[in-house]
C-alpha cells in the first residue's frame, strides 16, 4: 500500500465519519475529530468519564497524520502513518466495526431521467505473508452482479462517486442475477489465484534462514548427549519465528448500485 493510497484511505475514512478535514496537504492531513471518533481512537476514557460526570464542555482532539515524511517541505509535527503502522491498523479495525457491510446507491441528479443502477459487490481484502518478516497487501475487488465482470481497484473506481444509503427518487435499480454469496466465492477464488501466482521466494528465503539458524543451534549442542530444556525452547521459538503463514482477511465490503 503506497503513501498516496494510505492518504486516500485516510481522507475517505474521516469524511465518511463526519470528521472535518482542516488541512489536506498531499503528504499529510489534519482533522478535527468528532466526540464519537475521539472516544474510539484517542484512548482517553478517563477524560471523557470526568467530562461527562461534571457536565463539562467537550473538546475532541485534532489529529495530524503524516503519510509521506520524505516529501514534506514544511516542519510538520504529527504522527507518521504507513501500511502496517499501529494507527492505520486501528483505523482498519474501526472501519470494520462501523461498517463491515454496507448497501449504497449512487446519487443521481433529479434532472436525469430513466436512470438505471447496476448492482456490484465490492470487497476489500488484506493478504498477510508471515515469517520472521511480514508483508501485507490490500486488494479491492468488485463484481458486477448482472454480468459477472470482475474489476480490480474497485474502491478507487467508486471513490469519486457520490453515494447514499437511500436511493434517489425516480431511479430504478436492477435486481441482481448473481447472488452475493456466489459472487463472494468468485472473488475469493480471484484472491486465491493472486496468491498462487505471487512470487514466493520470500518463503524459500525464510526457510533457508531457519535452516541456517537451526544448524548453528545444533552445532552449539552437538556434544551434549542429554539436551537441556532450553534447547527445546530455543528450537520451538525458532520454529514459531520462521514458520511460513499466509492469512487472507476481508476488511469490509458491500452492495453498491451505480450507473
C-alpha atoms as a PDB file:
ATOM      1  CA  UNK A   1       0.000   0.000   0.000  1.00  0.00           C
ATOM      2  CA  UNK A   2       1.710   3.170  -1.233  1.00  0.00           C
ATOM      3  CA  UNK A   3       1.716   6.507   0.669  1.00  0.00           C
ATOM      4  CA  UNK A   4      -0.837   8.019  -1.726  1.00  0.00           C
ATOM      5  CA  UNK A   5      -3.152   5.041  -1.153  1.00  0.00           C
ATOM      6  CA  UNK A   6      -2.831   5.443   2.613  1.00  0.00           C
ATOM      7  CA  UNK A   7      -3.563   9.154   2.214  1.00  0.00           C
ATOM      8  CA  UNK A   8      -6.650   8.440   0.128  1.00  0.00           C
ATOM      9  CA  UNK A   9      -7.870   5.940   2.695  1.00  0.00           C
ATOM     10  CA  UNK A  10      -7.488   8.494   5.492  1.00  0.00           C
ATOM     11  CA  UNK A  11      -9.415  11.112   3.502  1.00  0.00           C
ATOM     12  CA  UNK A  12     -12.284   8.717   2.899  1.00  0.00           C
ATOM     13  CA  UNK A  13     -12.283   7.390   6.465  1.00  0.00           C
ATOM     14  CA  UNK A  14     -12.568  10.803   8.114  1.00  0.00           C
ATOM     15  CA  UNK A  15     -15.026  12.189   5.571  1.00  0.00           C
ATOM     16  CA  UNK A  16     -17.324   9.195   5.980  1.00  0.00           C
ATOM     17  CA  UNK A  17     -17.166   9.569   9.763  1.00  0.00           C
ATOM     18  CA  UNK A  18     -18.037  13.292   9.685  1.00  0.00           C
ATOM     19  CA  UNK A  19     -14.612  14.481  10.886  1.00  0.00           C
ATOM     20  CA  UNK A  20     -13.787  17.913   9.453  1.00  0.00           C
ATOM     21  CA  UNK A  21     -10.578  17.957   7.387  1.00  0.00           C
ATOM     22  CA  UNK A  22      -8.765  21.140   8.449  1.00  0.00           C
ATOM     23  CA  UNK A  23      -5.697  20.770   6.252  1.00  0.00           C
ATOM     24  CA  UNK A  24      -5.250  18.326   3.402  1.00  0.00           C
ATOM     25  CA  UNK A  25      -1.729  18.557   2.063  1.00  0.00           C
ATOM     26  CA  UNK A  26      -0.569  15.924  -0.435  1.00  0.00           C
ATOM     27  CA  UNK A  27       1.626  14.312   2.228  1.00  0.00           C
ATOM     28  CA  UNK A  28      -0.211  14.945   5.496  1.00  0.00           C
ATOM     29  CA  UNK A  29      -3.734  15.505   6.737  1.00  0.00           C
ATOM     30  CA  UNK A  30      -5.072  17.378   9.779  1.00  0.00           C
ATOM     31  CA  UNK A  31      -8.555  16.529  11.014  1.00  0.00           C
ATOM     32  CA  UNK A  32     -10.916  17.654  13.743  1.00  0.00           C
ATOM     33  CA  UNK A  33     -12.281  14.524  15.376  1.00  0.00           C
ATOM     34  CA  UNK A  34     -15.894  14.194  16.412  1.00  0.00           C
ATOM     35  CA  UNK A  35     -16.656  13.264  20.015  1.00  0.00           C
ATOM     36  CA  UNK A  36     -17.506   9.722  18.962  1.00  0.00           C
ATOM     37  CA  UNK A  37     -14.300   9.295  16.924  1.00  0.00           C
ATOM     38  CA  UNK A  38     -12.168  10.759  19.727  1.00  0.00           C
ATOM     39  CA  UNK A  39     -13.622   8.142  22.071  1.00  0.00           C
ATOM     40  CA  UNK A  40     -12.885   5.386  19.567  1.00  0.00           C
ATOM     41  CA  UNK A  41      -9.278   6.157  18.636  1.00  0.00           C
ATOM     42  CA  UNK A  42      -7.641   8.547  21.119  1.00  0.00           C
ATOM     43  CA  UNK A  43      -7.579   6.203  24.135  1.00  0.00           C
ATOM     44  CA  UNK A  44      -8.534   8.700  26.830  1.00  0.00           C
ATOM     45  CA  UNK A  45     -11.575   7.166  28.551  1.00  0.00           C
ATOM     46  CA  UNK A  46     -10.905   8.884  31.889  1.00  0.00           C
ATOM     47  CA  UNK A  47     -11.061  12.316  30.246  1.00  0.00           C
ATOM     48  CA  UNK A  48     -14.498  11.571  28.811  1.00  0.00           C
ATOM     49  CA  UNK A  49     -15.744   9.949  32.027  1.00  0.00           C
ATOM     50  CA  UNK A  50     -14.702  13.016  34.036  1.00  0.00           C
ATOM     51  CA  UNK A  51     -16.093  15.472  31.491  1.00  0.00           C
ATOM     52  CA  UNK A  52     -19.461  13.725  31.393  1.00  0.00           C
ATOM     53  CA  UNK A  53     -19.594  13.469  35.193  1.00  0.00           C
ATOM     54  CA  UNK A  54     -19.171  17.261  35.614  1.00  0.00           C
ATOM     55  CA  UNK A  55     -21.214  18.167  32.528  1.00  0.00           C
ATOM     56  CA  UNK A  56     -18.167  19.850  31.000  1.00  0.00           C
ATOM     57  CA  UNK A  57     -17.707  21.250  27.505  1.00  0.00           C
ATOM     58  CA  UNK A  58     -16.302  18.551  25.204  1.00  0.00           C
ATOM     59  CA  UNK A  59     -13.081  19.279  23.381  1.00  0.00           C
ATOM     60  CA  UNK A  60     -12.370  16.439  20.923  1.00  0.00           C
ATOM     61  CA  UNK A  61      -8.812  16.234  19.643  1.00  0.00           C
ATOM     62  CA  UNK A  62      -7.301  17.436  16.401  1.00  0.00           C
ATOM     63  CA  UNK A  63      -5.060  14.897  14.710  1.00  0.00           C
ATOM     64  CA  UNK A  64      -2.268  15.403  12.161  1.00  0.00           C
ATOM     65  CA  UNK A  65      -1.250  12.275  10.271  1.00  0.00           C
ATOM     66  CA  UNK A  66       1.834  12.290   8.027  1.00  0.00           C
ATOM     67  CA  UNK A  67       1.634   9.885   5.084  1.00  0.00           C
ATOM     68  CA  UNK A  68       4.947  10.694   3.368  1.00  0.00           C
ATOM     69  CA  UNK A  69       7.534  12.305   5.629  1.00  0.00           C
ATOM     70  CA  UNK A  70      10.277  12.158   2.979  1.00  0.00           C
ATOM     71  CA  UNK A  71       8.423  14.603   0.708  1.00  0.00           C
ATOM     72  CA  UNK A  72       7.451  17.152   3.349  1.00  0.00           C
ATOM     73  CA  UNK A  73       8.868  20.621   2.734  1.00  0.00           C
ATOM     74  CA  UNK A  74       7.404  22.006   5.972  1.00  0.00           C
ATOM     75  CA  UNK A  75       8.297  21.257   9.569  1.00  0.00           C
ATOM     76  CA  UNK A  76       5.048  19.499  10.388  1.00  0.00           C
ATOM     77  CA  UNK A  77       4.521  17.871  13.765  1.00  0.00           C
ATOM     78  CA  UNK A  78       2.335  14.815  13.573  1.00  0.00           C
ATOM     79  CA  UNK A  79       2.028  11.066  13.660  1.00  0.00           C
ATOM     80  CA  UNK A  80       3.659   9.106  10.839  1.00  0.00           C
ATOM     81  CA  UNK A  81       1.215   6.658   9.280  1.00  0.00           C
ATOM     82  CA  UNK A  82       2.115   3.901   6.840  1.00  0.00           C
ATOM     83  CA  UNK A  83       0.813   0.483   5.915  1.00  0.00           C
ATOM     84  CA  UNK A  84       1.293  -1.755   8.948  1.00  0.00           C
ATOM     85  CA  UNK A  85       1.572   1.131  11.425  1.00  0.00           C
ATOM     86  CA  UNK A  86      -0.458   0.833  14.666  1.00  0.00           C
ATOM     87  CA  UNK A  87      -2.611   3.857  13.846  1.00  0.00           C
ATOM     88  CA  UNK A  88      -3.602   2.607  10.390  1.00  0.00           C
ATOM     89  CA  UNK A  89      -4.351  -0.869  11.766  1.00  0.00           C
ATOM     90  CA  UNK A  90      -6.510   0.816  14.407  1.00  0.00           C
ATOM     91  CA  UNK A  91      -8.478   2.682  11.723  1.00  0.00           C
ATOM     92  CA  UNK A  92      -8.922  -0.585   9.818  1.00  0.00           C
ATOM     93  CA  UNK A  93     -10.442  -2.126  12.968  1.00  0.00           C
ATOM     94  CA  UNK A  94     -12.742   0.863  13.484  1.00  0.00           C
ATOM     95  CA  UNK A  95     -13.846   0.670   9.840  1.00  0.00           C
ATOM     96  CA  UNK A  96     -14.656  -2.978  10.365  1.00  0.00           C
ATOM     97  CA  UNK A  97     -16.668  -2.207  13.499  1.00  0.00           C
ATOM     98  CA  UNK A  98     -18.614   0.658  11.958  1.00  0.00           C
ATOM     99  CA  UNK A  99     -19.284  -0.688   8.501  1.00  0.00           C
ATOM    100  CA  UNK A 100     -18.234  -4.244   7.778  1.00  0.00           C
ATOM    101  CA  UNK A 101     -21.027  -4.420   5.219  1.00  0.00           C
ATOM    102  CA  UNK A 102     -22.934  -1.547   3.588  1.00  0.00           C
ATOM    103  CA  UNK A 103     -25.530  -1.011   0.893  1.00  0.00           C
ATOM    104  CA  UNK A 104     -25.079   2.212  -1.047  1.00  0.00           C
ATOM    105  CA  UNK A 105     -26.719   3.856  -4.049  1.00  0.00           C
ATOM    106  CA  UNK A 106     -25.111   6.307  -6.452  1.00  0.00           C
ATOM    107  CA  UNK A 107     -26.728   9.707  -6.034  1.00  0.00           C
ATOM    108  CA  UNK A 108     -28.440  10.811  -9.219  1.00  0.00           C
ATOM    109  CA  UNK A 109     -29.365  14.312 -10.333  1.00  0.00           C
ATOM    110  CA  UNK A 110     -33.112  14.888 -10.278  1.00  0.00           C
ATOM    111  CA  UNK A 111     -32.953  16.165 -13.859  1.00  0.00           C
ATOM    112  CA  UNK A 112     -31.714  12.807 -15.149  1.00  0.00           C
ATOM    113  CA  UNK A 113     -34.492  10.613 -16.470  1.00  0.00           C
ATOM    114  CA  UNK A 114     -34.804   6.845 -16.561  1.00  0.00           C
ATOM    115  CA  UNK A 115     -31.602   6.178 -14.671  1.00  0.00           C
ATOM    116  CA  UNK A 116     -30.883   2.506 -14.061  1.00  0.00           C
ATOM    117  CA  UNK A 117     -28.401   1.479 -11.367  1.00  0.00           C
ATOM    118  CA  UNK A 118     -26.477  -1.774 -11.655  1.00  0.00           C
ATOM    119  CA  UNK A 119     -25.612  -3.845  -8.558  1.00  0.00           C
ATOM    120  CA  UNK A 120     -21.979  -4.541  -7.720  1.00  0.00           C
ATOM    121  CA  UNK A 121     -20.483  -6.470  -4.829  1.00  0.00           C
ATOM    122  CA  UNK A 122     -17.319  -4.742  -3.604  1.00  0.00           C
ATOM    123  CA  UNK A 123     -14.913  -6.386  -1.176  1.00  0.00           C
ATOM    124  CA  UNK A 124     -11.651  -5.103   0.337  1.00  0.00           C
ATOM    125  CA  UNK A 125      -9.176  -7.853   1.206  1.00  0.00           C
ATOM    126  CA  UNK A 126      -5.928  -7.870   3.148  1.00  0.00           C
ATOM    127  CA  UNK A 127      -3.359 -10.578   2.368  1.00  0.00           C
ATOM    128  CA  UNK A 128      -0.668 -11.039   5.018  1.00  0.00           C
ATOM    129  CA  UNK A 129       2.517 -13.043   4.446  1.00  0.00           C
ATOM    130  CA  UNK A 130       4.152 -14.049   7.736  1.00  0.00           C
ATOM    131  CA  UNK A 131       7.565 -15.482   8.627  1.00  0.00           C
ATOM    132  CA  UNK A 132      10.359 -13.718  10.512  1.00  0.00           C
ATOM    133  CA  UNK A 133       9.344 -10.792   8.300  1.00  0.00           C
ATOM    134  CA  UNK A 134       5.827  -9.620   7.423  1.00  0.00           C
ATOM    135  CA  UNK A 135       4.347  -8.281   4.205  1.00  0.00           C
ATOM    136  CA  UNK A 136       0.746  -7.057   3.888  1.00  0.00           C
ATOM    137  CA  UNK A 137      -1.082  -6.161   0.666  1.00  0.00           C
ATOM    138  CA  UNK A 138      -4.539  -4.660   0.145  1.00  0.00           C
ATOM    139  CA  UNK A 139      -6.759  -5.678  -2.756  1.00  0.00           C
ATOM    140  CA  UNK A 140     -10.100  -4.096  -3.641  1.00  0.00           C
ATOM    141  CA  UNK A 141     -12.256  -6.197  -5.973  1.00  0.00           C
ATOM    142  CA  UNK A 142     -15.712  -5.636  -7.385  1.00  0.00           C
ATOM    143  CA  UNK A 143     -18.008  -7.957  -9.317  1.00  0.00           C
ATOM    144  CA  UNK A 144     -20.958  -6.934 -11.450  1.00  0.00           C
ATOM    145  CA  UNK A 145     -23.923  -8.961 -10.135  1.00  0.00           C
ATOM    146  CA  UNK A 146     -25.579  -8.867 -13.571  1.00  0.00           C
ATOM    147  CA  UNK A 147     -22.701  -9.904 -15.842  1.00  0.00           C
ATOM    148  CA  UNK A 148     -20.086 -11.414 -13.533  1.00  0.00           C
ATOM    149  CA  UNK A 149     -17.412  -8.981 -14.768  1.00  0.00           C
ATOM    150  CA  UNK A 150     -14.714  -8.529 -12.114  1.00  0.00           C
ATOM    151  CA  UNK A 151     -12.996  -5.175 -11.609  1.00  0.00           C
ATOM    152  CA  UNK A 152      -9.748  -4.594  -9.728  1.00  0.00           C
ATOM    153  CA  UNK A 153      -9.167  -1.441  -7.636  1.00  0.00           C
ATOM    154  CA  UNK A 154     -12.928  -1.246  -7.175  1.00  0.00           C
ATOM    155  CA  UNK A 155     -12.742   1.060  -4.146  1.00  0.00           C
ATOM    156  CA  UNK A 156     -10.723   3.564  -6.162  1.00  0.00           C
ATOM    157  CA  UNK A 157     -13.241   3.370  -9.025  1.00  0.00           C
ATOM    158  CA  UNK A 158     -16.140   4.487  -6.814  1.00  0.00           C
ATOM    159  CA  UNK A 159     -14.228   6.971  -4.658  1.00  0.00           C
ATOM    160  CA  UNK A 160     -15.314   9.924  -6.826  1.00  0.00           C
ATOM    161  CA  UNK A 161     -18.974   8.888  -6.886  1.00  0.00           C
ATOM    162  CA  UNK A 162     -21.465  10.456  -4.501  1.00  0.00           C
ATOM    163  CA  UNK A 163     -23.084   7.535  -2.688  1.00  0.00           C
ATOM    164  CA  UNK A 164     -26.032   7.483  -0.318  1.00  0.00           C
ATOM    165  CA  UNK A 165     -27.738   4.894   1.853  1.00  0.00           C
ATOM    166  CA  UNK A 166     -31.077   5.809   0.255  1.00  0.00           C
ATOM    167  CA  UNK A 167     -31.842   5.580  -3.426  1.00  0.00           C
ATOM    168  CA  UNK A 168     -32.646   8.797  -5.277  1.00  0.00           C
ATOM    169  CA  UNK A 169     -36.215   9.317  -6.466  1.00  0.00           C
ATOM    170  CA  UNK A 170     -37.283   8.273  -9.977  1.00  0.00           C
ATOM    171  CA  UNK A 171     -34.400   5.803 -10.175  1.00  0.00           C
ATOM    172  CA  UNK A 172     -34.678   2.097 -10.906  1.00  0.00           C
ATOM    173  CA  UNK A 173     -32.124  -0.416  -9.681  1.00  0.00           C
ATOM    174  CA  UNK A 174     -31.757  -3.807 -11.312  1.00  0.00           C
ATOM    175  CA  UNK A 175     -32.298  -6.891  -9.145  1.00  0.00           C
ATOM    176  CA  UNK A 176     -29.102  -8.913  -9.080  1.00  0.00           C
ATOM    177  CA  UNK A 177     -28.848 -12.159 -11.051  1.00  0.00           C
ATOM    178  CA  UNK A 178     -25.745 -13.489  -9.295  1.00  0.00           C
ATOM    179  CA  UNK A 179     -26.368 -13.994  -5.596  1.00  0.00           C
ATOM    180  CA  UNK A 180     -23.897 -12.098  -3.377  1.00  0.00           C
ATOM    181  CA  UNK A 181     -22.760 -15.305  -1.650  1.00  0.00           C
ATOM    182  CA  UNK A 182     -21.845 -16.813  -5.050  1.00  0.00           C
ATOM    183  CA  UNK A 183     -20.186 -13.567  -6.111  1.00  0.00           C
ATOM    184  CA  UNK A 184     -18.107 -13.605  -2.934  1.00  0.00           C
ATOM    185  CA  UNK A 185     -16.957 -17.127  -3.748  1.00  0.00           C
ATOM    186  CA  UNK A 186     -15.772 -15.886  -7.162  1.00  0.00           C
ATOM    187  CA  UNK A 187     -13.847 -13.017  -5.583  1.00  0.00           C
ATOM    188  CA  UNK A 188     -12.312 -15.396  -3.040  1.00  0.00           C
ATOM    189  CA  UNK A 189     -11.154 -17.546  -5.958  1.00  0.00           C
ATOM    190  CA  UNK A 190      -9.534 -14.484  -7.565  1.00  0.00           C
ATOM    191  CA  UNK A 191      -7.642 -13.789  -4.331  1.00  0.00           C
ATOM    192  CA  UNK A 192      -6.524 -17.422  -4.104  1.00  0.00           C
ATOM    193  CA  UNK A 193      -5.243 -17.224  -7.686  1.00  0.00           C
ATOM    194  CA  UNK A 194      -3.371 -13.977  -6.902  1.00  0.00           C
ATOM    195  CA  UNK A 195      -1.643 -15.742  -4.004  1.00  0.00           C
ATOM    196  CA  UNK A 196      -0.763 -18.763  -6.160  1.00  0.00           C
ATOM    197  CA  UNK A 197       0.675 -16.559  -8.915  1.00  0.00           C
ATOM    198  CA  UNK A 198       2.629 -14.370  -6.495  1.00  0.00           C
ATOM    199  CA  UNK A 199       6.393 -14.598  -6.068  1.00  0.00           C
ATOM    200  CA  UNK A 200       7.014 -16.890  -3.093  1.00  0.00           C
ATOM    201  CA  UNK A 201      10.789 -16.622  -2.911  1.00  0.00           C
ATOM    202  CA  UNK A 202      10.226 -14.851   0.445  1.00  0.00           C
ATOM    203  CA  UNK A 203       9.046 -18.193   1.870  1.00  0.00           C
ATOM    204  CA  UNK A 204      12.049 -20.064   0.478  1.00  0.00           C
ATOM    205  CA  UNK A 205      14.388 -17.414   1.892  1.00  0.00           C
ATOM    206  CA  UNK A 206      12.710 -17.617   5.315  1.00  0.00           C
ATOM    207  CA  UNK A 207      13.045 -21.404   5.298  1.00  0.00           C
ATOM    208  CA  UNK A 208      16.741 -21.049   4.406  1.00  0.00           C
ATOM    209  CA  UNK A 209      17.316 -18.601   7.283  1.00  0.00           C
ATOM    210  CA  UNK A 210      15.532 -21.052   9.574  1.00  0.00           C
ATOM    211  CA  UNK A 211      17.779 -23.883   8.368  1.00  0.00           C
ATOM    212  CA  UNK A 212      20.933 -21.843   8.988  1.00  0.00           C
ATOM    213  CA  UNK A 213      19.895 -20.789  12.477  1.00  0.00           C
ATOM    214  CA  UNK A 214      18.893 -24.349  13.321  1.00  0.00           C
ATOM    215  CA  UNK A 215      22.287 -25.571  12.115  1.00  0.00           C
ATOM    216  CA  UNK A 216      24.004 -23.099  14.469  1.00  0.00           C
ATOM    217  CA  UNK A 217      21.820 -24.264  17.355  1.00  0.00           C
ATOM    218  CA  UNK A 218      22.540 -27.938  16.636  1.00  0.00           C
ATOM    219  CA  UNK A 219      26.257 -27.221  16.355  1.00  0.00           C
ATOM    220  CA  UNK A 220      26.227 -25.497  19.755  1.00  0.00           C
ATOM    221  CA  UNK A 221      24.658 -28.545  21.419  1.00  0.00           C
ATOM    222  CA  UNK A 222      26.208 -31.308  19.260  1.00  0.00           C
ATOM    223  CA  UNK A 223      28.368 -32.707  22.064  1.00  0.00           C
ATOM    224  CA  UNK A 224      25.605 -32.561  24.646  1.00  0.00           C
ATOM    225  CA  UNK A 225      24.032 -36.013  24.998  1.00  0.00           C
ATOM    226  CA  UNK A 226      21.062 -35.022  27.106  1.00  0.00           C
ATOM    227  CA  UNK A 227      19.772 -31.808  25.601  1.00  0.00           C
ATOM    228  CA  UNK A 228      18.589 -29.310  28.250  1.00  0.00           C
ATOM    229  CA  UNK A 229      15.092 -27.834  28.288  1.00  0.00           C
ATOM    230  CA  UNK A 230      16.372 -24.507  26.953  1.00  0.00           C
ATOM    231  CA  UNK A 231      17.464 -26.309  23.759  1.00  0.00           C
ATOM    232  CA  UNK A 232      13.915 -27.435  23.061  1.00  0.00           C
ATOM    233  CA  UNK A 233      12.601 -23.985  23.952  1.00  0.00           C
ATOM    234  CA  UNK A 234      15.009 -22.273  21.542  1.00  0.00           C
ATOM    235  CA  UNK A 235      14.143 -24.762  18.820  1.00  0.00           C
ATOM    236  CA  UNK A 236      10.420 -24.194  19.328  1.00  0.00           C
ATOM    237  CA  UNK A 237      10.857 -20.406  19.354  1.00  0.00           C
ATOM    238  CA  UNK A 238      12.830 -20.640  16.118  1.00  0.00           C
ATOM    239  CA  UNK A 239      10.037 -22.621  14.506  1.00  0.00           C
ATOM    240  CA  UNK A 240       7.472 -20.012  15.547  1.00  0.00           C
ATOM    241  CA  UNK A 241       9.694 -17.212  14.236  1.00  0.00           C
ATOM    242  CA  UNK A 242      10.373 -18.651  10.779  1.00  0.00           C
ATOM    243  CA  UNK A 243       7.197 -20.641  10.123  1.00  0.00           C
ATOM    244  CA  UNK A 244       5.640 -19.501   6.841  1.00  0.00           C
ATOM    245  CA  UNK A 245       1.973 -18.462   7.056  1.00  0.00           C
ATOM    246  CA  UNK A 246      -0.461 -16.727   4.709  1.00  0.00           C
ATOM    247  CA  UNK A 247      -3.609 -15.068   6.045  1.00  0.00           C
ATOM    248  CA  UNK A 248      -6.467 -13.632   3.987  1.00  0.00           C
ATOM    249  CA  UNK A 249      -8.831 -11.230   5.736  1.00  0.00           C
ATOM    250  CA  UNK A 250     -11.934  -9.416   4.496  1.00  0.00           C
ATOM    251  CA  UNK A 251     -11.708  -5.853   5.810  1.00  0.00           C
ATOM    252  CA  UNK A 252     -15.143  -4.759   4.646  1.00  0.00           C
ATOM    253  CA  UNK A 253     -17.489  -4.874   1.692  1.00  0.00           C
ATOM    254  CA  UNK A 254     -20.950  -4.070   0.438  1.00  0.00           C
ATOM    255  CA  UNK A 255     -23.517  -3.825  -2.310  1.00  0.00           C
ATOM    256  CA  UNK A 256     -23.052  -0.773  -4.499  1.00  0.00           C
ATOM    257  CA  UNK A 257     -25.659   0.286  -7.028  1.00  0.00           C
ATOM    258  CA  UNK A 258     -24.149   2.533  -9.669  1.00  0.00           C
ATOM    259  CA  UNK A 259     -24.700   3.713 -13.234  1.00  0.00           C
END
